[in-house]
C-alpha atoms as a PDB file:
ATOM      1  CA  MET A   1       6.923 -40.335  44.138  1.00  0.00           C
ATOM      2  CA  SER A   2      10.320 -39.159  43.888  1.00  0.00           C
ATOM      3  CA  TRP A   3      11.696 -35.726  43.431  1.00  0.00           C
ATOM      4  CA  ARG A   4      13.562 -36.638  40.374  1.00  0.00           C
ATOM      5  CA  HIS A   5      10.168 -37.678  38.973  1.00  0.00           C
ATOM      6  CA  ILE A   6       8.469 -34.496  40.234  1.00  0.00           C
ATOM      7  CA  VAL A   7      11.232 -32.585  38.337  1.00  0.00           C
ATOM      8  CA  SER A   8      10.958 -34.778  35.621  1.00  0.00           C
ATOM      9  CA  ARG A   9       6.856 -34.381  35.063  1.00  0.00           C
ATOM     10  CA  ARG A  10       7.065 -30.517  35.383  1.00  0.00           C
ATOM     11  CA  ALA A  11       9.812 -30.393  32.630  1.00  0.00           C
ATOM     12  CA  PHE A  12       7.887 -32.317  30.529  1.00  0.00           C
ATOM     13  CA  MET A  13       4.987 -30.388  31.387  1.00  0.00           C
ATOM     14  CA  ARG A  14       6.575 -27.263  30.505  1.00  0.00           C
ATOM     15  CA  LEU A  15       7.708 -28.679  27.345  1.00  0.00           C
ATOM     16  CA  GLY A  16       4.565 -29.623  26.393  1.00  0.00           C
ATOM     17  CA  ALA A  17       2.985 -25.904  27.460  1.00  0.00           C
ATOM     18  CA  MET A  18       5.552 -24.434  24.997  1.00  0.00           C
ATOM     19  CA  GLY A  19       5.281 -26.490  21.967  1.00  0.00           C
ATOM     20  CA  LEU A  20       1.528 -25.708  22.060  1.00  0.00           C
ATOM     21  CA  ALA A  21       2.279 -22.234  22.435  1.00  0.00           C
ATOM     22  CA  GLY A  22       4.493 -22.497  19.497  1.00  0.00           C
ATOM     23  CA  GLY A  23       1.708 -24.428  17.490  1.00  0.00           C
ATOM     24  CA  LEU A  24      -1.004 -21.529  18.285  1.00  0.00           C
ATOM     25  CA  GLY A  25       1.771 -19.113  17.495  1.00  0.00           C
ATOM     26  CA  ALA A  26       2.618 -20.769  14.263  1.00  0.00           C
ATOM     27  CA  GLY A  27      -1.273 -21.260  13.368  1.00  0.00           C
ATOM     28  CA  TRP A  28      -2.057 -17.719  14.199  1.00  0.00           C
ATOM     29  CA  THR A  29       0.755 -16.356  12.173  1.00  0.00           C
ATOM     30  CA  MET A  30       0.421 -18.686   9.139  1.00  0.00           C
ATOM     31  CA  GLY A  31      -2.837 -19.539   9.355  1.00  0.00           C
ATOM     32  CA  VAL A  32      -5.057 -16.780  10.368  1.00  0.00           C
ATOM     33  CA  GLU A  33      -3.650 -13.129  10.368  1.00  0.00           C
ATOM     34  CA  PRO A  34      -1.989 -13.390   6.942  1.00  0.00           C
ATOM     35  CA  SER A  35      -5.956 -12.766   5.773  1.00  0.00           C
ATOM     36  CA  ARG A  36      -7.280 -11.233   8.741  1.00  0.00           C
ATOM     37  CA  LEU A  37      -7.954  -8.062   6.809  1.00  0.00           C
ATOM     38  CA  VAL A  38      -8.395  -4.917   8.775  1.00  0.00           C
ATOM     39  CA  THR A  39      -9.651  -1.554   7.935  1.00  0.00           C
ATOM     40  CA  ARG A  40      -7.361   1.682   8.157  1.00  0.00           C
ATOM     41  CA  GLN A  41      -9.124   5.181   8.447  1.00  0.00           C
ATOM     42  CA  PRO A  42      -6.618   8.484   8.553  1.00  0.00           C
ATOM     43  CA  ARG A  43      -8.513  11.303   8.107  1.00  0.00           C
ATOM     44  CA  LEU A  44      -6.465  14.264   6.842  1.00  0.00           C
ATOM     45  CA  THR A  45      -9.030  17.505   7.428  1.00  0.00           C
ATOM     46  CA  ASP A  46     -11.862  18.494   9.626  1.00  0.00           C
ATOM     47  CA  ASN A  47     -13.984  18.789   6.799  1.00  0.00           C
ATOM     48  CA  PRO A  48     -13.101  16.290   4.077  1.00  0.00           C
ATOM     49  CA  SER A  49     -13.911  16.285   0.651  1.00  0.00           C
ATOM     50  CA  ARG A  50     -12.867  12.947  -0.671  1.00  0.00           C
ATOM     51  CA  ARG A  51     -12.838   9.553   0.665  1.00  0.00           C
ATOM     52  CA  ILE A  52      -9.765   7.693  -1.312  1.00  0.00           C
ATOM     53  CA  VAL A  53      -9.908   3.718  -0.965  1.00  0.00           C
ATOM     54  CA  HIS A  54      -6.458   2.348  -1.101  1.00  0.00           C
ATOM     55  CA  PHE A  55      -5.312  -0.945  -1.312  1.00  0.00           C
ATOM     56  CA  THR A  56      -2.079  -2.509  -2.572  1.00  0.00           C
ATOM     57  CA  ASP A  57       0.440  -5.703  -2.788  1.00  0.00           C
ATOM     58  CA  THR A  58      -1.916  -8.090  -3.464  1.00  0.00           C
ATOM     59  CA  HIS A  59       0.734 -10.725  -4.469  1.00  0.00           C
ATOM     60  CA  HIS A  60      -2.153 -13.005  -5.664  1.00  0.00           C
ATOM     61  CA  LYS A  61      -1.256 -16.877  -5.486  1.00  0.00           C
ATOM     62  CA  GLY A  62      -4.504 -18.406  -6.067  1.00  0.00           C
ATOM     63  CA  ASP A  63      -6.676 -17.954  -2.856  1.00  0.00           C
ATOM     64  CA  ALA A  64      -9.713 -16.173  -4.716  1.00  0.00           C
ATOM     65  CA  ARG A  65     -12.439 -16.425  -1.913  1.00  0.00           C
ATOM     66  CA  TYR A  66      -9.625 -14.180   0.093  1.00  0.00           C
ATOM     67  CA  LEU A  67      -9.315 -11.705  -3.100  1.00  0.00           C
ATOM     68  CA  ARG A  68     -12.898 -11.514  -3.468  1.00  0.00           C
ATOM     69  CA  ARG A  69     -13.658 -10.554   0.607  1.00  0.00           C
ATOM     70  CA  VAL A  70     -10.876  -7.844  -0.116  1.00  0.00           C
ATOM     71  CA  VAL A  71     -12.601  -6.414  -3.171  1.00  0.00           C
ATOM     72  CA  ALA A  72     -16.153  -6.621  -1.055  1.00  0.00           C
ATOM     73  CA  ARG A  73     -14.388  -4.719   2.038  1.00  0.00           C
ATOM     74  CA  ILE A  74     -13.338  -2.066  -1.183  1.00  0.00           C
ATOM     75  CA  ASN A  75     -17.051  -1.771  -2.248  1.00  0.00           C
ATOM     76  CA  GLU A  76     -17.999  -1.246   1.402  1.00  0.00           C
ATOM     77  CA  LEU A  77     -16.348   1.443   2.030  1.00  0.00           C
ATOM     78  CA  ASP A  78     -17.895   3.350  -0.686  1.00  0.00           C
ATOM     79  CA  GLY A  79     -14.919   5.487  -1.655  1.00  0.00           C
ATOM     80  CA  ASP A  80     -15.136   8.273  -4.546  1.00  0.00           C
ATOM     81  CA  PHE A  81     -12.302   6.162  -6.048  1.00  0.00           C
ATOM     82  CA  VAL A  82      -9.759   3.437  -5.553  1.00  0.00           C
ATOM     83  CA  CYS A  83      -5.672   3.275  -5.469  1.00  0.00           C
ATOM     84  CA  PHE A  84      -3.835   0.712  -6.312  1.00  0.00           C
ATOM     85  CA  THR A  85       0.001   1.101  -5.849  1.00  0.00           C
ATOM     86  CA  GLY A  86       1.721  -2.028  -7.088  1.00  0.00           C
ATOM     87  CA  ASP A  87       2.614  -5.809  -7.119  1.00  0.00           C
ATOM     88  CA  LEU A  88      -0.810  -7.825  -8.337  1.00  0.00           C
ATOM     89  CA  VAL A  89       1.087 -10.663  -8.849  1.00  0.00           C
ATOM     90  CA  GLU A  90       4.499 -12.768  -8.472  1.00  0.00           C
ATOM     91  CA  ASP A  91       3.353 -15.223 -11.492  1.00  0.00           C
ATOM     92  CA  ALA A  92       2.046 -14.171 -14.411  1.00  0.00           C
ATOM     93  CA  ALA A  93      -0.037 -17.192 -14.424  1.00  0.00           C
ATOM     94  CA  TYR A  94      -2.367 -15.824 -11.788  1.00  0.00           C
ATOM     95  CA  LEU A  95      -2.887 -12.388 -13.459  1.00  0.00           C
ATOM     96  CA  ASP A  96      -6.218 -13.286 -15.131  1.00  0.00           C
ATOM     97  CA  GLU A  97      -7.952 -14.538 -12.414  1.00  0.00           C
ATOM     98  CA  THR A  98      -6.757 -11.540 -10.160  1.00  0.00           C
ATOM     99  CA  LEU A  99      -8.073  -8.959 -13.114  1.00  0.00           C
ATOM    100  CA  ASP A 100     -11.137 -11.311 -12.815  1.00  0.00           C
ATOM    101  CA  ILE A 101     -11.567 -10.502  -9.369  1.00  0.00           C
ATOM    102  CA  LEU A 102     -10.766  -6.907  -9.281  1.00  0.00           C
ATOM    103  CA  SER A 103     -13.419  -6.241 -11.995  1.00  0.00           C
ATOM    104  CA  GLY A 104     -15.216  -6.402  -9.757  1.00  0.00           C
ATOM    105  CA  ILE A 105     -14.428  -3.115  -7.913  1.00  0.00           C
ATOM    106  CA  ARG A 106     -17.412  -0.661  -8.521  1.00  0.00           C
ATOM    107  CA  LYS A 107     -15.708   2.235  -8.519  1.00  0.00           C
ATOM    108  CA  PRO A 108     -12.754   3.994 -11.030  1.00  0.00           C
ATOM    109  CA  MET A 109      -9.732   2.113  -9.752  1.00  0.00           C
ATOM    110  CA  PHE A 110      -6.383   3.998 -10.217  1.00  0.00           C
ATOM    111  CA  GLY A 111      -2.965   2.202 -10.152  1.00  0.00           C
ATOM    112  CA  VAL A 112       0.908   1.740 -10.576  1.00  0.00           C
ATOM    113  CA  PRO A 113       2.999  -1.295 -11.475  1.00  0.00           C
ATOM    114  CA  GLY A 114       5.089  -2.414  -8.794  1.00  0.00           C
ATOM    115  CA  ASN A 115       8.226  -4.386  -9.088  1.00  0.00           C
ATOM    116  CA  HIS A 116       6.894  -7.892  -8.841  1.00  0.00           C
ATOM    117  CA  ASP A 117       4.658  -6.543 -11.987  1.00  0.00           C
ATOM    118  CA  TYR A 118       7.840  -6.364 -13.991  1.00  0.00           C
ATOM    119  CA  TRP A 119       9.640  -9.289 -12.317  1.00  0.00           C
ATOM    120  CA  SER A 120       6.439 -11.734 -13.474  1.00  0.00           C
ATOM    121  CA  GLN A 121       6.608 -10.424 -16.832  1.00  0.00           C
ATOM    122  CA  SER A 122       3.013  -9.485 -16.533  1.00  0.00           C
ATOM    123  CA  PRO A 123       1.634  -7.936 -20.099  1.00  0.00           C
ATOM    124  CA  PHE A 124      -0.103  -4.418 -19.094  1.00  0.00           C
ATOM    125  CA  ALA A 125      -2.362  -4.390 -21.870  1.00  0.00           C
ATOM    126  CA  PRO A 126      -5.169  -6.881 -19.704  1.00  0.00           C
ATOM    127  CA  ILE A 127      -4.211  -4.491 -16.711  1.00  0.00           C
ATOM    128  CA  ARG A 128      -4.936  -1.470 -18.509  1.00  0.00           C
ATOM    129  CA  ALA A 129      -8.072  -2.865 -19.411  1.00  0.00           C
ATOM    130  CA  CYS A 130      -9.423  -3.758 -16.456  1.00  0.00           C
ATOM    131  CA  PHE A 131      -8.506  -0.792 -14.741  1.00  0.00           C
ATOM    132  CA  GLU A 132     -10.237   1.434 -17.690  1.00  0.00           C
ATOM    133  CA  ALA A 133     -13.193  -0.898 -17.589  1.00  0.00           C
ATOM    134  CA  THR A 134     -13.759   0.377 -14.194  1.00  0.00           C
ATOM    135  CA  GLY A 135     -13.295   3.950 -15.251  1.00  0.00           C
ATOM    136  CA  GLY A 136     -10.125   4.386 -14.167  1.00  0.00           C
ATOM    137  CA  ARG A 137      -6.684   4.156 -15.112  1.00  0.00           C
ATOM    138  CA  TRP A 138      -3.232   2.333 -15.138  1.00  0.00           C
ATOM    139  CA  LEU A 139      -0.730   4.726 -14.487  1.00  0.00           C
ATOM    140  CA  VAL A 140       2.721   3.957 -15.928  1.00  0.00           C
ATOM    141  CA  ASP A 141       4.397   7.312 -15.466  1.00  0.00           C
ATOM    142  CA  GLU A 142       1.239   9.233 -16.564  1.00  0.00           C
ATOM    143  CA  THR A 143      -1.114  11.646 -14.953  1.00  0.00           C
ATOM    144  CA  CYS A 144      -4.929  11.968 -15.432  1.00  0.00           C
ATOM    145  CA  GLU A 145      -7.587  13.765 -13.930  1.00  0.00           C
ATOM    146  CA  ALA A 146      -9.225  12.372 -10.650  1.00  0.00           C
ATOM    147  CA  PRO A 147     -12.791  11.512 -10.820  1.00  0.00           C
ATOM    148  CA  GLY A 148     -14.927  15.175  -9.650  1.00  0.00           C
ATOM    149  CA  GLY A 149     -12.087  17.137 -11.051  1.00  0.00           C
ATOM    150  CA  GLY A 150      -9.822  19.514  -8.973  1.00  0.00           C
ATOM    151  CA  LEU A 151      -7.340  16.850  -8.435  1.00  0.00           C
ATOM    152  CA  THR A 152      -4.524  15.707 -10.521  1.00  0.00           C
ATOM    153  CA  LEU A 153      -3.435  11.695 -10.230  1.00  0.00           C
ATOM    154  CA  VAL A 154       0.150  11.030 -10.978  1.00  0.00           C
ATOM    155  CA  GLY A 155       1.420   7.728 -11.322  1.00  0.00           C
ATOM    156  CA  ARG A 156       4.913   6.941 -11.075  1.00  0.00           C
ATOM    157  CA  ALA A 157       5.962   3.596 -12.227  1.00  0.00           C
ATOM    158  CA  GLU A 158       8.547   1.433 -10.294  1.00  0.00           C
ATOM    159  CA  ARG A 159      11.142   1.215 -13.202  1.00  0.00           C
ATOM    160  CA  SER A 160      11.274   5.109 -13.536  1.00  0.00           C
ATOM    161  CA  VAL A 161      14.911   6.025 -13.808  1.00  0.00           C
ATOM    162  CA  GLN A 162      14.442   9.856 -14.092  1.00  0.00           C
ATOM    163  CA  VAL A 163      12.006  11.875 -11.621  1.00  0.00           C
ATOM    164  CA  MET A 164       8.899  12.406 -13.311  1.00  0.00           C
ATOM    165  CA  PRO A 165       7.569  15.757 -14.024  1.00  0.00           C
ATOM    166  CA  VAL A 166       4.408  16.699 -11.486  1.00  0.00           C
ATOM    167  CA  PRO A 167       2.245  19.197 -13.066  1.00  0.00           C
ATOM    168  CA  GLU A 168       1.179  22.424 -10.566  1.00  0.00           C
ATOM    169  CA  GLY A 169      -1.929  22.317  -8.832  1.00  0.00           C
ATOM    170  CA  PRO A 170      -3.299  20.037  -6.198  1.00  0.00           C
ATOM    171  CA  THR A 171      -2.023  16.332  -6.866  1.00  0.00           C
ATOM    172  CA  LEU A 172      -2.333  12.918  -5.611  1.00  0.00           C
ATOM    173  CA  PHE A 173       0.849  11.056  -6.185  1.00  0.00           C
ATOM    174  CA  LEU A 174       1.099   7.102  -6.400  1.00  0.00           C
ATOM    175  CA  THR A 175       3.985   5.272  -6.334  1.00  0.00           C
ATOM    176  CA  HIS A 176       5.140   1.782  -5.047  1.00  0.00           C
ATOM    177  CA  TYR A 177       8.211   2.472  -3.191  1.00  0.00           C
ATOM    178  CA  PRO A 178       7.623   4.911  -0.291  1.00  0.00           C
ATOM    179  CA  GLU A 179      10.906   6.590  -0.252  1.00  0.00           C
ATOM    180  CA  THR A 180      10.181   7.985  -3.948  1.00  0.00           C
ATOM    181  CA  VAL A 181       8.342  11.248  -2.290  1.00  0.00           C
ATOM    182  CA  ASN A 182      12.089  12.026  -1.572  1.00  0.00           C
ATOM    183  CA  GLU A 183      12.877  12.765  -5.127  1.00  0.00           C
ATOM    184  CA  TYR A 184      10.534  15.389  -5.126  1.00  0.00           C
ATOM    185  CA  ARG A 185      11.770  18.338  -2.900  1.00  0.00           C
ATOM    186  CA  ASP A 186      10.232  20.961  -4.298  1.00  0.00           C
ATOM    187  CA  ARG A 187       6.669  19.860  -4.628  1.00  0.00           C
ATOM    188  CA  GLN A 188       3.611  19.451  -2.187  1.00  0.00           C
ATOM    189  CA  PHE A 189       1.051  16.567  -2.658  1.00  0.00           C
ATOM    190  CA  VAL A 190      -2.372  16.773  -1.259  1.00  0.00           C
ATOM    191  CA  LEU A 191      -1.610  13.025  -0.316  1.00  0.00           C
ATOM    192  CA  ALA A 192       1.133  10.412  -1.764  1.00  0.00           C
ATOM    193  CA  LEU A 193       0.010   6.346  -1.673  1.00  0.00           C
ATOM    194  CA  ALA A 194       2.678   3.586  -1.447  1.00  0.00           C
ATOM    195  CA  GLY A 195       3.084   0.044  -0.981  1.00  0.00           C
ATOM    196  CA  HIS A 196       6.374  -2.432  -1.219  1.00  0.00           C
ATOM    197  CA  SER A 197       7.037  -2.650   2.569  1.00  0.00           C
ATOM    198  CA  HIS A 198       4.103  -5.181   3.766  1.00  0.00           C
ATOM    199  CA  GLY A 199       4.589  -3.401   7.072  1.00  0.00           C
ATOM    200  CA  GLY A 200       7.551  -5.654   7.407  1.00  0.00           C
ATOM    201  CA  GLN A 201       4.884  -8.355   7.490  1.00  0.00           C
ATOM    202  CA  VAL A 202       6.249  -9.351  11.202  1.00  0.00           C
ATOM    203  CA  ARG A 203       6.456  -6.527  13.425  1.00  0.00           C
ATOM    204  CA  ILE A 204       7.476  -6.522  17.484  1.00  0.00           C
ATOM    205  CA  PRO A 205       5.425  -4.023  19.874  1.00  0.00           C
ATOM    206  CA  PHE A 206       7.449  -1.124  20.481  1.00  0.00           C
ATOM    207  CA  TYR A 207      10.042  -2.109  18.471  1.00  0.00           C
ATOM    208  CA  GLY A 208       8.668  -2.324  14.422  1.00  0.00           C
ATOM    209  CA  PRO A 209       9.302  -4.396  11.391  1.00  0.00           C
ATOM    210  CA  LEU A 210      11.820  -6.543  11.928  1.00  0.00           C
ATOM    211  CA  ILE A 211      13.154  -6.191   8.113  1.00  0.00           C
ATOM    212  CA  VAL A 212      11.812  -4.509   5.088  1.00  0.00           C
ATOM    213  CA  PRO A 213      12.607  -4.196   1.594  1.00  0.00           C
ATOM    214  CA  GLY A 214      14.894  -1.376   0.176  1.00  0.00           C
ATOM    215  CA  GLY A 215      13.037   1.109  -1.308  1.00  0.00           C
ATOM    216  CA  CYS A 216      10.923   1.912   1.905  1.00  0.00           C
ATOM    217  CA  GLY A 217      13.580   4.287   3.708  1.00  0.00           C
ATOM    218  CA  PRO A 218      11.949   5.420   7.093  1.00  0.00           C
ATOM    219  CA  TYR A 219       8.506   4.951   5.668  1.00  0.00           C
ATOM    220  CA  ASP A 220       7.551   1.460   6.629  1.00  0.00           C
ATOM    221  CA  MET A 221       3.577   1.344   7.341  1.00  0.00           C
ATOM    222  CA  GLY A 222       0.982   4.234   8.558  1.00  0.00           C
ATOM    223  CA  LEU A 223       0.926   7.647   7.981  1.00  0.00           C
ATOM    224  CA  TYR A 224       3.768  10.126   7.845  1.00  0.00           C
ATOM    225  CA  ASP A 225       3.828  13.586   7.450  1.00  0.00           C
ATOM    226  CA  THR A 226       6.951  13.995   5.269  1.00  0.00           C
ATOM    227  CA  PRO A 227       8.339  17.440   3.582  1.00  0.00           C
ATOM    228  CA  GLN A 228       6.325  16.905   0.501  1.00  0.00           C
ATOM    229  CA  GLY A 229       3.056  16.251   2.386  1.00  0.00           C
ATOM    230  CA  PRO A 230       1.192  13.179   3.618  1.00  0.00           C
ATOM    231  CA  LEU A 231       2.134   9.921   3.167  1.00  0.00           C
ATOM    232  CA  PHE A 232       0.211   6.853   3.563  1.00  0.00           C
ATOM    233  CA  VAL A 233       2.180   3.383   3.429  1.00  0.00           C
ATOM    234  CA  SER A 234      -0.065   0.221   3.596  1.00  0.00           C
ATOM    235  CA  ALA A 235       0.770  -3.049   5.219  1.00  0.00           C
ATOM    236  CA  GLY A 236      -1.005  -4.606   1.724  1.00  0.00           C
ATOM    237  CA  ILE A 237      -3.118  -7.510   1.076  1.00  0.00           C
ATOM    238  CA  GLY A 238      -0.535 -10.295   0.167  1.00  0.00           C
ATOM    239  CA  THR A 239       2.585 -11.657   1.552  1.00  0.00           C
ATOM    240  CA  TRP A 240       5.928 -12.445  -0.389  1.00  0.00           C
ATOM    241  CA  TYR A 241       8.131 -15.550   0.330  1.00  0.00           C
ATOM    242  CA  VAL A 242       6.261 -16.937   3.323  1.00  0.00           C
ATOM    243  CA  LYS A 243       2.833 -16.852   4.049  1.00  0.00           C
ATOM    244  CA  LEU A 244       3.478 -15.114   7.200  1.00  0.00           C
ATOM    245  CA  ARG A 245       2.272 -11.988   9.305  1.00  0.00           C
ATOM    246  CA  LEU A 246       2.594 -11.243  13.029  1.00  0.00           C
ATOM    247  CA  PHE A 247       1.375  -7.825  14.581  1.00  0.00           C
ATOM    248  CA  CYS A 248       0.716  -6.584  10.964  1.00  0.00           C
ATOM    249  CA  PRO A 249      -2.052  -8.117   9.692  1.00  0.00           C
ATOM    250  CA  PRO A 250      -3.299  -7.098   5.882  1.00  0.00           C
ATOM    251  CA  ASP A 251      -5.290  -3.766   5.120  1.00  0.00           C
ATOM    252  CA  VAL A 252      -7.405  -1.639   3.073  1.00  0.00           C
ATOM    253  CA  ALA A 253      -7.910   1.886   3.762  1.00  0.00           C
ATOM    254  CA  VAL A 254     -10.044   4.716   3.260  1.00  0.00           C
ATOM    255  CA  ILE A 255      -8.303   8.407   3.420  1.00  0.00           C
ATOM    256  CA  GLU A 256     -10.594  11.316   3.874  1.00  0.00           C
ATOM    257  CA  ILE A 257      -8.756  14.492   2.296  1.00  0.00           C
END
């Protein structure tokens, strides 16, 4: 066998290996990781008195089996109540199915709208009814008392133009855009919860997300110590534009405070 044939075969094998790796990588990033649901468990105190389950950005597009698995995970975590921080759907055609599945959550569910809830022109009346049926509330620039008392929930809507007044006392702040917390320079929250970023969907180890949408500021994923108190930003449940995730699986969080 000639030297040229050996080189050609080696080059062919190398190209074949690269193609196989690329195919496996595409299969993982588009077929496995987008639904590889993980649980995050931040604990803010040594002696917590509440367990809050947080999920966000479902962007439901018809994968009912996956969304039911999310609901099952939420129920398994057995929090005191559940918080959602925006973007139920991108297309209002999927809203009824989304709410039907989320109605299976067995704890009071509180939530705020995100940009896609407005862009899809989803009607808020059935959303409000779904959340209230669990014993919770759909909070559009509204406040309410958390289950068990002693804590006020503040729901900041995505379309708010003015800074929403926040009552005195222990407060849990729900918002879609993470950097919204920066508007409340004179307030301290027990906890703020946000979504919107999707964690970037694609993250590079030791670097971070390749790109995040506007409205996140420096808060792209995880727990942050801000001047306004602890802020947790979830990587979300669904994906936007392309069903693609890398080093950034979807998550549900149970946060102890």
